Protein backbone atom coordinates (compact mmCIF):
# COMPACT_ATOMS: atom_id res chain seq x y z
CA MET A 1 20.33 7.08 74.70
CA ARG A 2 19.02 9.93 72.74
CA ASN A 3 15.36 9.17 71.99
CA ARG A 4 12.39 11.35 71.89
CA ALA A 5 9.45 10.26 74.13
CA ALA A 6 6.20 9.28 72.41
CA ALA A 7 2.80 10.07 73.88
CA LEU A 8 1.33 6.84 75.27
CA CYS A 9 -1.86 5.74 77.03
CA GLY A 10 -3.93 8.70 75.83
CA ALA A 11 -7.60 9.63 75.71
CA ALA A 12 -8.63 6.41 74.07
CA VAL A 13 -8.30 4.46 77.47
CA VAL A 14 -11.45 3.21 78.83
CA MET A 15 -11.68 2.68 82.61
CA ALA A 16 -13.69 -0.33 83.89
CA GLY A 17 -13.67 -2.89 86.71
CA THR A 18 -10.97 -3.73 89.13
CA PHE A 19 -8.82 -6.87 89.10
CA THR A 20 -6.80 -8.25 92.07
CA THR A 21 -6.70 -11.96 91.49
CA VAL A 22 -4.64 -14.28 89.33
CA PRO A 23 -6.59 -16.29 86.69
CA ALA A 24 -7.70 -19.68 88.03
CA GLY A 25 -5.36 -22.55 87.46
CA ALA A 26 -2.21 -20.46 87.14
CA SER A 27 0.96 -22.01 88.34
CA ALA A 28 2.84 -18.84 89.16
CA PRO A 29 6.49 -19.05 90.46
CA ARG A 30 5.74 -16.63 93.28
CA THR A 31 6.24 -16.45 97.03
CA ALA A 32 4.14 -14.96 99.74
CA GLU A 33 3.85 -11.20 99.20
CA PRO A 34 6.02 -9.22 101.67
CA ALA A 35 4.02 -7.72 104.49
CA HIS A 36 5.07 -4.24 103.63
CA ALA A 37 4.43 -4.50 99.85
CA ALA A 38 1.68 -2.42 98.36
CA LYS A 39 -1.26 -4.20 96.85
CA LEU A 40 -2.02 -3.43 93.18
CA ALA A 41 -5.62 -2.73 92.05
CA TRP A 42 -5.68 -3.48 88.35
CA LYS A 43 -8.26 -1.64 86.30
CA ASN A 44 -9.17 -2.02 82.67
CA CYS A 45 -7.52 0.62 80.53
CA ALA A 46 -8.00 -1.18 77.18
CA THR A 47 -7.34 0.38 73.86
CA GLU A 48 -8.60 -0.73 70.58
CA LYS A 49 -5.16 -2.09 69.76
CA TYR A 50 -4.60 -3.64 73.14
CA PRO A 51 -7.94 -4.83 74.41
CA THR A 52 -6.70 -6.72 77.47
CA LEU A 53 -4.49 -3.95 78.88
CA GLN A 54 -4.96 -3.19 82.51
CA CYS A 55 -3.50 -0.33 84.59
CA ALA A 56 -2.56 0.24 88.30
CA SER A 57 -0.50 2.62 90.33
CA LEU A 58 2.09 2.08 92.94
CA THR A 59 3.45 4.46 95.55
CA VAL A 60 7.16 4.20 96.31
CA PRO A 61 9.61 6.27 98.38
CA LEU A 62 11.22 9.14 96.54
CA ASP A 63 14.43 8.16 98.43
CA HIS A 64 14.44 4.44 99.00
CA ARG A 65 16.94 4.94 101.80
CA ARG A 66 14.12 6.75 103.61
CA PRO A 67 11.05 4.51 103.21
CA HIS A 68 8.79 6.61 105.36
CA GLY A 69 9.74 9.91 103.66
CA GLN A 70 8.14 11.58 100.67
CA ARG A 71 6.27 9.22 98.30
CA ILE A 72 5.90 9.29 94.47
CA THR A 73 3.50 7.29 92.32
CA LEU A 74 4.45 4.92 89.39
CA ALA A 75 2.01 4.17 86.62
CA LEU A 76 1.88 0.53 85.65
CA SER A 77 0.24 -1.49 82.93
CA ARG A 78 -0.28 -5.27 82.49
CA VAL A 79 -1.46 -7.74 79.95
CA PRO A 80 -2.29 -10.68 82.25
CA HIS A 81 -1.23 -14.22 81.40
CA THR A 82 -3.91 -16.64 80.30
CA ALA A 83 -2.06 -20.02 80.17
CA THR A 84 -2.07 -22.58 82.95
CA THR A 85 1.71 -22.48 82.87
CA TYR A 86 2.81 -19.24 84.37
CA GLN A 87 6.31 -17.97 84.11
CA GLY A 88 5.92 -14.78 86.30
CA PRO A 89 6.01 -11.03 85.43
CA LEU A 90 7.87 -9.95 82.35
CA LEU A 91 8.77 -6.21 82.96
CA VAL A 92 9.38 -4.27 79.78
CA ASN A 93 11.09 -0.87 79.24
CA PRO A 94 11.48 1.23 76.04
CA GLY A 95 14.55 3.19 77.01
CA GLY A 96 15.09 6.94 76.69
CA PRO A 97 15.71 7.52 79.61
CA GLY A 98 12.30 9.12 79.62
CA GLY A 99 10.22 6.73 77.57
CA SER A 100 6.80 5.56 78.73
CA GLY A 101 6.38 1.87 78.90
CA LEU A 102 2.63 1.59 79.35
CA LYS A 103 1.71 0.67 75.91
CA LEU A 104 4.86 -1.24 75.28
CA ALA A 105 3.29 -3.98 77.47
CA GLY A 106 0.47 -4.28 75.06
CA PHE A 107 2.85 -4.27 72.07
CA VAL A 108 5.15 -6.95 73.47
CA ALA A 109 2.22 -9.24 74.58
CA SER A 110 0.60 -8.94 71.12
CA SER A 111 3.80 -9.39 69.11
CA LEU A 112 5.24 -12.46 70.85
CA PRO A 113 3.89 -15.82 69.79
CA GLU A 114 0.58 -16.16 71.53
CA LYS A 115 1.61 -19.36 73.36
CA VAL A 116 4.71 -17.51 74.81
CA ALA A 117 2.99 -14.26 75.76
CA ALA A 118 0.11 -16.30 77.43
CA GLN A 119 2.63 -17.55 80.03
CA TYR A 120 3.69 -14.17 81.29
CA ASP A 121 2.04 -11.09 82.94
CA VAL A 122 3.63 -8.50 80.70
CA ILE A 123 4.23 -5.38 82.83
CA GLY A 124 4.85 -2.00 81.56
CA PHE A 125 5.63 1.01 83.69
CA ASP A 126 6.33 4.71 83.45
CA PRO A 127 9.64 5.30 85.38
CA ARG A 128 9.76 7.99 87.99
CA GLY A 129 9.14 11.33 86.50
CA VAL A 130 7.66 9.91 83.24
CA GLY A 131 4.25 10.27 81.63
CA ALA A 132 1.45 9.07 83.93
CA SER A 133 3.70 8.64 86.90
CA GLU A 134 3.50 11.53 89.49
CA PRO A 135 5.01 13.94 89.64
CA ALA A 136 5.75 14.12 85.94
CA LEU A 137 8.62 16.44 84.93
CA ASP A 138 8.52 19.17 82.39
CA CYS A 139 11.20 21.63 83.14
CA ARG A 140 10.80 24.21 80.30
CA PRO A 141 7.78 23.78 78.08
CA GLY A 142 8.50 24.95 74.57
CA HIS A 143 12.24 24.43 74.95
CA PHE A 144 12.39 22.98 71.51
CA GLY A 145 10.10 25.47 69.81
CA PRO A 146 11.18 26.63 66.29
CA VAL A 147 13.24 28.33 65.14
CA ARG A 148 16.18 27.51 67.33
CA PRO A 149 19.65 28.94 66.80
CA ASP A 150 21.67 27.07 64.28
CA SER A 151 23.20 24.06 66.04
CA LEU A 152 26.57 24.76 64.39
CA PRO A 153 28.27 27.36 66.46
CA THR A 154 30.20 29.19 63.68
CA THR A 155 30.10 32.51 65.51
CA PRO A 156 30.51 33.43 69.15
CA GLU A 157 26.92 34.73 69.00
CA ILE A 158 25.48 31.48 67.95
CA GLU A 159 27.42 29.59 70.62
CA LYS A 160 26.27 32.00 73.24
CA ALA A 161 22.63 31.60 72.19
CA ASN A 162 22.79 27.85 72.40
CA LEU A 163 24.67 27.98 75.75
CA ALA A 164 21.97 30.27 77.08
CA ARG A 165 19.23 27.79 76.07
CA ALA A 166 21.13 24.91 77.67
CA GLU A 167 21.78 26.86 80.88
CA SER A 168 18.21 28.11 81.13
CA PHE A 169 16.82 24.67 80.83
CA ALA A 170 19.10 23.32 83.60
CA ALA A 171 18.15 26.27 85.77
CA ALA A 172 14.45 25.77 85.14
CA CYS A 173 14.75 22.10 86.21
CA GLY A 174 16.50 23.21 89.37
CA ARG A 175 13.80 25.79 90.17
CA LYS A 176 10.83 23.44 89.58
CA TYR A 177 12.21 20.17 90.69
CA GLY A 178 15.21 20.74 92.86
CA HIS A 179 13.98 18.56 95.58
CA LEU A 180 13.26 15.69 93.09
CA LEU A 181 16.46 15.80 90.83
CA PRO A 182 18.81 13.97 93.25
CA TYR A 183 16.51 11.04 92.95
CA ILE A 184 15.74 10.97 89.24
CA ASP A 185 18.41 8.47 88.10
CA THR A 186 18.90 4.90 87.14
CA ALA A 187 19.61 3.86 90.72
CA GLY A 188 16.10 5.10 91.79
CA ALA A 189 14.47 3.44 88.84
CA VAL A 190 16.10 0.15 89.71
CA ARG A 191 14.82 0.37 93.30
CA ASP A 192 11.44 1.15 91.83
CA MET A 193 11.57 -1.94 89.67
CA ASP A 194 12.20 -3.94 92.81
CA ALA A 195 9.29 -2.41 94.57
CA ILE A 196 7.22 -3.50 91.45
CA ARG A 197 8.42 -6.96 91.83
CA GLN A 198 7.42 -6.94 95.55
CA ALA A 199 4.01 -5.52 94.75
CA LEU A 200 3.43 -8.31 92.22
CA GLY A 201 4.31 -10.86 94.85
CA ALA A 202 7.08 -12.34 92.69
CA ARG A 203 10.30 -13.82 94.02
CA LYS A 204 12.05 -13.02 90.69
CA ILE A 205 11.26 -11.02 87.59
CA ASN A 206 11.74 -11.50 83.77
CA TYR A 207 12.94 -8.36 82.04
CA PHE A 208 13.05 -7.16 78.44
CA GLY A 209 14.53 -3.75 77.79
CA TYR A 210 15.44 -1.78 74.72
CA SER A 211 18.20 0.85 74.34
CA TYR A 212 18.66 2.74 77.63
CA GLY A 213 16.43 0.05 79.08
CA THR A 214 19.43 -2.36 78.54
CA TYR A 215 21.54 -0.31 80.93
CA LEU A 216 18.58 -0.21 83.38
CA GLY A 217 18.16 -3.93 83.19
CA ALA A 218 21.91 -4.58 83.57
CA VAL A 219 22.03 -2.22 86.64
CA TYR A 220 19.01 -4.05 88.22
CA ALA A 221 20.69 -7.35 87.51
CA LYS A 222 23.88 -6.10 89.18
CA THR A 223 21.96 -4.78 92.32
CA PHE A 224 19.66 -7.87 92.66
CA PRO A 225 21.21 -10.72 90.77
CA GLU A 226 19.28 -13.26 92.81
CA ARG A 227 15.95 -11.71 91.61
CA VAL A 228 16.58 -12.07 87.89
CA ARG A 229 14.97 -15.08 86.16
CA ARG A 230 15.37 -14.09 82.43
CA LEU A 231 17.02 -11.05 81.02
CA VAL A 232 16.64 -9.79 77.38
CA LEU A 233 18.57 -6.70 76.25
CA ASP A 234 17.94 -5.38 72.76
CA SER A 235 20.25 -2.61 71.28
CA VAL A 236 22.75 -2.55 74.02
CA VAL A 237 24.26 0.52 75.77
CA ASP A 238 27.94 0.39 76.41
CA PRO A 239 27.96 0.72 80.26
CA THR A 240 31.68 1.70 80.18
CA GLN A 241 30.91 5.01 78.34
CA VAL A 242 27.96 6.38 80.44
CA TRP A 243 27.28 9.01 79.29
CA TYR A 244 29.46 11.72 77.74
CA ASP A 245 31.71 9.38 75.77
CA ALA A 246 28.69 7.39 74.64
CA ASN A 247 27.19 10.50 73.03
CA LEU A 248 30.35 11.34 71.18
CA ASN A 249 30.59 7.78 69.82
CA GLN A 250 26.95 8.08 68.91
CA ASP A 251 27.61 11.05 66.68
CA VAL A 252 30.01 9.01 64.51
CA ALA A 253 27.64 6.17 64.16
CA PHE A 254 24.73 8.41 63.31
CA ASP A 255 26.94 10.06 60.62
CA ASP A 256 27.59 6.74 59.03
CA ARG A 257 23.89 5.88 59.14
CA HIS A 258 22.93 9.17 57.60
CA ARG A 259 25.25 8.44 54.81
CA ALA A 260 23.70 5.06 54.34
CA PHE A 261 20.44 6.90 53.89
CA LEU A 262 21.99 9.27 51.37
CA ALA A 263 23.41 6.30 49.53
CA TRP A 264 19.97 4.81 49.42
CA VAL A 265 18.62 7.92 48.00
CA ALA A 266 21.32 7.74 45.24
CA GLU A 267 20.36 4.15 44.46
CA HIS A 268 16.87 5.30 43.78
CA ASP A 269 17.65 8.36 41.61
CA SER A 270 14.90 7.41 39.20
CA THR A 271 12.42 8.26 42.05
CA TYR A 272 14.10 11.11 43.84
CA ARG A 273 16.21 12.80 41.02
CA LEU A 274 18.99 13.77 43.35
CA GLY A 275 21.87 12.11 41.60
CA THR A 276 23.34 8.60 41.48
CA ASP A 277 26.60 9.53 43.35
CA PRO A 278 26.08 9.44 47.15
CA GLU A 279 28.65 12.35 47.49
CA ARG A 280 26.55 14.49 45.26
CA VAL A 281 23.45 13.58 47.22
CA GLU A 282 25.21 14.47 50.49
CA ALA A 283 26.29 17.82 49.01
CA GLU A 284 22.69 18.50 48.15
CA TRP A 285 21.55 17.76 51.70
CA TYR A 286 24.18 20.07 53.27
CA ALA A 287 23.27 22.77 50.74
CA MET A 288 19.65 22.41 51.83
CA ARG A 289 20.84 22.77 55.40
CA ALA A 290 22.80 25.95 54.62
CA ALA A 291 19.75 27.44 52.79
CA LEU A 292 17.36 26.60 55.77
CA ALA A 293 19.81 28.23 58.15
CA LYS A 294 19.20 31.46 56.22
CA LYS A 295 15.56 30.99 55.45
CA PRO A 296 13.62 28.42 57.46
CA ALA A 297 11.03 26.47 55.55
CA GLY A 298 7.48 27.65 56.39
CA GLY A 299 9.02 29.77 59.10
CA THR A 300 9.60 26.67 61.35
CA VAL A 301 12.30 24.38 59.79
CA GLY A 302 15.65 25.95 60.20
CA ALA A 303 19.00 24.08 60.25
CA ALA A 304 18.55 22.67 63.73
CA GLU A 305 14.92 21.54 62.96
CA LEU A 306 16.16 19.90 59.70
CA GLU A 307 18.60 17.83 61.81
CA ASP A 308 15.76 16.94 64.17
CA THR A 309 13.65 15.80 61.23
CA PHE A 310 16.26 13.47 59.80
CA ILE A 311 17.76 12.01 62.99
CA PRO A 312 14.75 9.57 63.37
CA GLY A 313 15.99 8.08 60.05
CA GLY A 314 19.07 7.05 61.75
CA TYR A 315 17.14 5.04 64.27
CA TYR A 316 14.77 3.31 61.77
CA ASN A 317 14.96 3.01 57.94
CA GLY A 318 11.24 2.67 57.56
CA TYR A 319 11.17 6.55 57.60
CA TRP A 320 13.56 6.79 54.68
CA PRO A 321 10.95 7.02 51.90
CA HIS A 322 9.06 9.82 53.65
CA LEU A 323 12.25 11.74 54.47
CA ALA A 324 13.55 11.29 50.87
CA GLU A 325 10.31 12.63 49.40
CA ALA A 326 10.61 15.77 51.52
CA PHE A 327 14.26 16.21 50.69
CA ALA A 328 13.59 15.86 46.94
CA ALA A 329 10.63 18.19 46.96
CA TYR A 330 12.68 20.91 48.46
CA VAL A 331 15.74 20.45 46.26
CA ASN A 332 14.02 19.77 42.97
CA ASP A 333 10.82 21.89 43.23
CA GLY A 334 11.50 24.40 45.97
CA ASN A 335 8.48 22.95 47.61
CA THR A 336 8.74 23.34 51.45
CA GLU A 337 5.41 21.70 52.44
CA PRO A 338 6.54 18.07 52.56
CA LEU A 339 9.62 19.16 54.69
CA VAL A 340 7.43 21.04 57.09
CA GLU A 341 5.20 18.05 57.25
CA ALA A 342 8.11 15.72 57.94
CA TYR A 343 9.36 17.99 60.73
CA GLU A 344 5.89 18.01 62.32
CA ASP A 345 5.60 14.20 62.04
CA GLY A 346 9.03 13.35 63.31
CA GLY A 347 11.09 16.24 64.48
CA ALA A 348 8.82 18.51 66.50
CA VAL A 349 8.60 17.99 70.28
CA ASP A 350 5.19 17.96 71.90
CA ALA A 351 4.28 18.00 75.62
CA SER A 352 5.07 14.35 76.05
CA GLY A 353 8.39 14.96 74.34
CA GLY A 354 9.05 17.78 76.79
CA ASN A 355 8.48 15.43 79.67
CA GLY A 356 10.68 12.71 78.09
CA TYR A 357 13.49 15.22 77.60
CA SER A 358 13.25 16.56 81.09
CA VAL A 359 13.68 13.04 82.47
CA TYR A 360 16.36 12.17 79.93
CA THR A 361 18.45 15.13 81.05
CA SER A 362 17.65 14.39 84.76
CA VAL A 363 18.75 10.83 84.56
CA GLN A 364 21.80 11.26 82.31
CA CYS A 365 23.13 14.39 84.12
CA ARG A 366 22.72 12.64 87.49
CA ASP A 367 24.05 9.24 86.50
CA ALA A 368 27.62 10.13 85.74
CA ASP A 369 30.18 12.89 85.73
CA TRP A 370 29.91 15.39 82.87
CA PRO A 371 32.51 18.01 82.03
CA ARG A 372 31.70 21.38 83.75
CA ASP A 373 34.20 23.30 81.63
CA TRP A 374 32.62 24.30 78.35
CA ARG A 375 36.07 24.52 76.66
CA ARG A 376 36.12 20.59 76.87
CA TRP A 377 32.77 20.23 75.11
CA ARG A 378 33.84 22.77 72.55
CA GLU A 379 37.07 20.99 71.72
CA ASP A 380 35.60 17.51 71.70
CA ASN A 381 32.61 18.32 69.64
CA TRP A 382 34.48 20.32 66.91
CA ALA A 383 36.83 17.37 66.67
CA VAL A 384 33.89 14.97 66.11
CA HIS A 385 32.20 17.34 63.72
CA GLU A 386 35.21 17.36 61.52
CA LYS A 387 34.72 13.69 60.67
CA ALA A 388 30.93 13.36 61.58
CA PRO A 389 29.07 16.53 60.91
CA PHE A 390 25.51 15.26 60.61
CA MET A 391 24.42 15.62 64.27
CA ALA A 392 27.58 16.24 66.32
CA TRP A 393 26.62 19.74 67.43
CA ASN A 394 22.92 19.08 67.54
CA ASN A 395 23.58 16.22 69.93
CA ALA A 396 25.99 18.34 71.95
CA TRP A 397 23.28 20.95 72.59
CA TYR A 398 20.87 18.23 73.33
CA ASN A 399 23.02 17.12 76.27
CA ALA A 400 24.53 20.53 77.12
CA PRO A 401 22.26 21.15 80.23
CA CYS A 402 24.49 18.55 81.84
CA ALA A 403 27.33 21.13 81.88
CA PHE A 404 25.10 23.19 84.13
CA TRP A 405 23.09 20.62 85.98
CA PRO A 406 22.06 21.65 89.55
CA THR A 407 22.72 18.34 91.27
CA ASP A 408 25.88 16.40 92.04
CA SER A 409 26.50 13.36 89.90
CA SER A 410 26.88 9.75 90.92
CA LYS A 411 29.05 7.14 89.40
CA PRO A 412 28.17 4.64 86.64
CA VAL A 413 27.62 1.03 87.72
CA ASN A 414 30.09 -1.62 86.86
CA VAL A 415 27.59 -4.16 85.49
CA ALA A 416 30.02 -7.06 85.29
CA ASN A 417 28.14 -10.07 86.65
CA GLY A 418 28.90 -13.76 86.99
CA LYS A 419 25.83 -14.57 89.17
CA LEU A 420 23.06 -14.45 86.54
CA PRO A 421 21.30 -17.20 84.58
CA PRO A 422 21.79 -17.08 80.76
CA VAL A 423 21.12 -13.60 79.42
CA LEU A 424 20.11 -12.89 75.73
CA LEU A 425 21.42 -9.88 73.88
CA PHE A 426 20.42 -8.57 70.52
CA GLN A 427 22.28 -6.10 68.37
CA ALA A 428 22.47 -4.75 64.88
CA THR A 429 25.92 -4.24 63.44
CA GLY A 430 25.05 -0.84 62.07
CA ASP A 431 23.01 0.51 64.96
CA ALA A 432 23.67 4.17 65.38
CA ALA A 433 22.08 4.99 68.82
CA THR A 434 23.84 2.08 70.55
CA PRO A 435 26.83 1.13 68.50
CA TYR A 436 27.71 -2.45 68.01
CA GLU A 437 30.83 -2.46 70.23
CA GLY A 438 28.63 -1.80 73.34
CA ALA A 439 26.83 -5.14 72.91
CA VAL A 440 30.27 -6.88 72.50
CA THR A 441 31.34 -5.23 75.75
CA VAL A 442 28.23 -6.32 77.72
CA HIS A 443 28.50 -9.79 76.25
CA ARG A 444 31.90 -9.98 77.87
CA LEU A 445 30.84 -8.40 81.15
CA LEU A 446 27.80 -10.70 81.62
CA ALA A 447 29.41 -14.16 82.08
CA ARG A 448 26.57 -16.35 80.89
CA SER A 449 25.18 -13.97 78.14
CA ARG A 450 24.56 -14.91 74.49
CA LEU A 451 24.71 -12.38 71.63
CA VAL A 452 22.48 -12.55 68.69
CA VAL A 453 23.65 -10.23 65.96
CA GLU A 454 21.63 -8.80 63.01
CA GLU A 455 24.39 -8.70 60.35
CA GLY A 456 24.13 -5.63 58.20
CA GLY A 457 21.19 -4.15 60.05
CA GLY A 458 21.12 -0.51 61.00
CA ASN A 459 17.91 -0.12 62.96
CA HIS A 460 17.75 0.51 66.77
CA GLY A 461 15.39 -1.89 68.40
CA ILE A 462 15.38 -5.06 66.30
CA THR A 463 13.28 -7.71 67.84
CA LEU A 464 9.55 -7.85 67.32
CA SER A 465 10.03 -5.67 64.32
CA GLY A 466 9.62 -8.16 61.51
CA ASN A 467 12.93 -10.23 61.51
CA ALA A 468 11.74 -13.75 62.01
CA CYS A 469 15.18 -15.11 62.70
CA LEU A 470 15.63 -12.74 65.60
CA ASP A 471 12.16 -13.28 67.01
CA GLU A 472 12.73 -17.11 66.87
CA HIS A 473 15.59 -16.73 69.27
CA LEU A 474 13.55 -14.39 71.41
CA ALA A 475 10.57 -16.76 71.61
CA ALA A 476 12.73 -19.74 72.34
CA TYR A 477 14.46 -17.97 75.29
CA LEU A 478 11.19 -16.72 76.75
CA SER A 479 9.56 -20.13 76.20
CA ASP A 480 12.01 -22.25 78.01
CA GLY A 481 15.31 -20.42 78.44
CA THR A 482 16.91 -21.80 75.25
CA VAL A 483 19.97 -19.78 74.13
CA PRO A 484 22.11 -20.25 71.03
CA ARG A 485 25.29 -22.31 71.63
CA GLY A 486 27.63 -20.39 69.56
CA HIS A 487 31.02 -19.27 70.82
CA GLY A 488 33.05 -16.06 70.31
CA GLU A 489 31.92 -12.59 69.59
CA ALA A 490 28.51 -13.59 68.34
CA ASP A 491 26.65 -16.68 69.35
CA ALA A 492 24.07 -16.44 66.50
CA VAL A 493 23.81 -14.36 63.38
CA CYS A 494 20.70 -13.36 61.60
CA GLU A 495 20.49 -11.55 58.17
CA ALA A 496 19.13 -8.07 58.16
CA LEU A 497 15.88 -7.22 56.43
CA PRO A 498 16.20 -5.32 53.22
CA ASP A 499 15.94 -1.59 53.13
CA PRO A 500 12.49 -0.20 52.23
CA GLU A 501 11.44 0.52 48.59
CA PRO A 502 10.88 4.02 47.62
CA SER A 503 7.18 3.14 46.86
CA ALA A 504 6.54 2.45 50.55
CA THR A 505 3.94 4.88 51.61
CA GLN A 506 3.95 6.73 54.97
CA GLU A 507 0.65 5.13 55.82
CA ALA A 508 1.96 1.63 55.09
CA ALA A 509 5.09 2.30 57.14
CA ALA A 510 3.13 3.63 60.06
CA SER A 511 1.02 0.51 60.21
CA SER A 512 3.99 -1.82 60.32
CA ASN A 513 5.18 -3.58 63.37
CA GLY A 514 8.56 -1.92 63.03
CA SER A 515 7.06 1.59 62.95
CA THR A 516 4.85 0.89 65.93
CA LEU A 517 7.79 -0.39 67.95
CA HIS A 518 9.90 2.61 67.13
CA GLY A 519 7.11 4.96 67.97
CA LEU A 520 6.90 3.21 71.39
CA LEU A 521 10.71 3.55 71.73
CA GLY A 522 10.24 7.31 71.64
CA ILE A 523 11.22 7.54 67.92
CA PRO A 524 8.49 9.50 66.08
CA SER A 525 6.66 7.66 63.46
């Protein structure tokens, strides 16, 4: 789904010795390594936060149907198990598509209960085209540089300008990576995951994916059901709507979540002085948008950039105090500096974001059919805008390169599966990026799945983010396969955490587990 990729495994990495053996005493559920499987040379790439993190690289075929053809390189990370009881590799993925998973391995290993994490090799990876994997895509550096045309195409000139941007991005991808694009898709990533499994010498893998990572995991399980040991899917993509319809439904859900934010601002009028009526606060927000369309704040934050700045608040409510402060400063005091700062913190796209977006479009445009007739886009997005104006057109332009994509598309995978062991799903009822109905659909399609619901929650990516009830279910499943025994739409229900207080500082929010997770999921912190 639509996430912005965060910069991971940066300059703080320290390289040291090489590791090729399993700790003594480990009882790994593995078989002999296939003769053709690559051997992984693990090197220390520790960071201050993740001191046991190791890194390696794996070469795989660009086209798995031609194993002796062109090769590409995947970047891997690992936090090795330390317990005598070893439950095998736990592959983790942050979604996107286009998100780097290298530091996610460190986060998951350090956030799970120590006795659970100690039983797994937690394996992160940058999917093909992403981050430290080679080649890494960046189709058009600076594509999101401010100030962009207003996302709302109220005149033919604005629409033409946005269409030109979308078409030029697709054309740039074709010029630079035309030989790669037919293979940058979910099917290729799934085959890569199995190559990682082989390189690890494992008969089966455990898998833990967020957001788009849930679709990746479900497709892997459909392709290789006999190679799945445990499967955790958090914030679940609806696989029956990949990807055009999913984005339209996302627009409606994000509008609801944005209104929840505005209602929260109204509840805290004593702090923000924007009114106690949510409709009045909403009117103030759209008035701010109209003003910025005419005069961008600091010469950088126009209407499109304002939407970019506030969209992360739809993913994670920990950003609400910071966003509300910037909103109030602009409306009440005419002070643009906090708004520009909020844009730079959460809306601006850097080089890693350019890479993430390039892979995002490559995968989504390749994975499924998209309308090639712009009249269909225009009609559908104006219809959505009428009821959900917050990001309908912003999201349309974000995905619009798919109308001009220079490769043929493939077909979405029917992930229905009756061959898996019990699968554990997690979903918040108010999640905007992957609306609740998608989890219900996957719960039905995966015959032995169990669905744990965060009732009243609106964040995207909910485990290992501070909700003890959710995390207890996750830990029990990864410890010994225990799943809740409920029946019906939800097998277990956890109460959502309360929304933040206005007094929450940006620094405190940034240091929280929730903020760390959402940064790793590609949502700027």
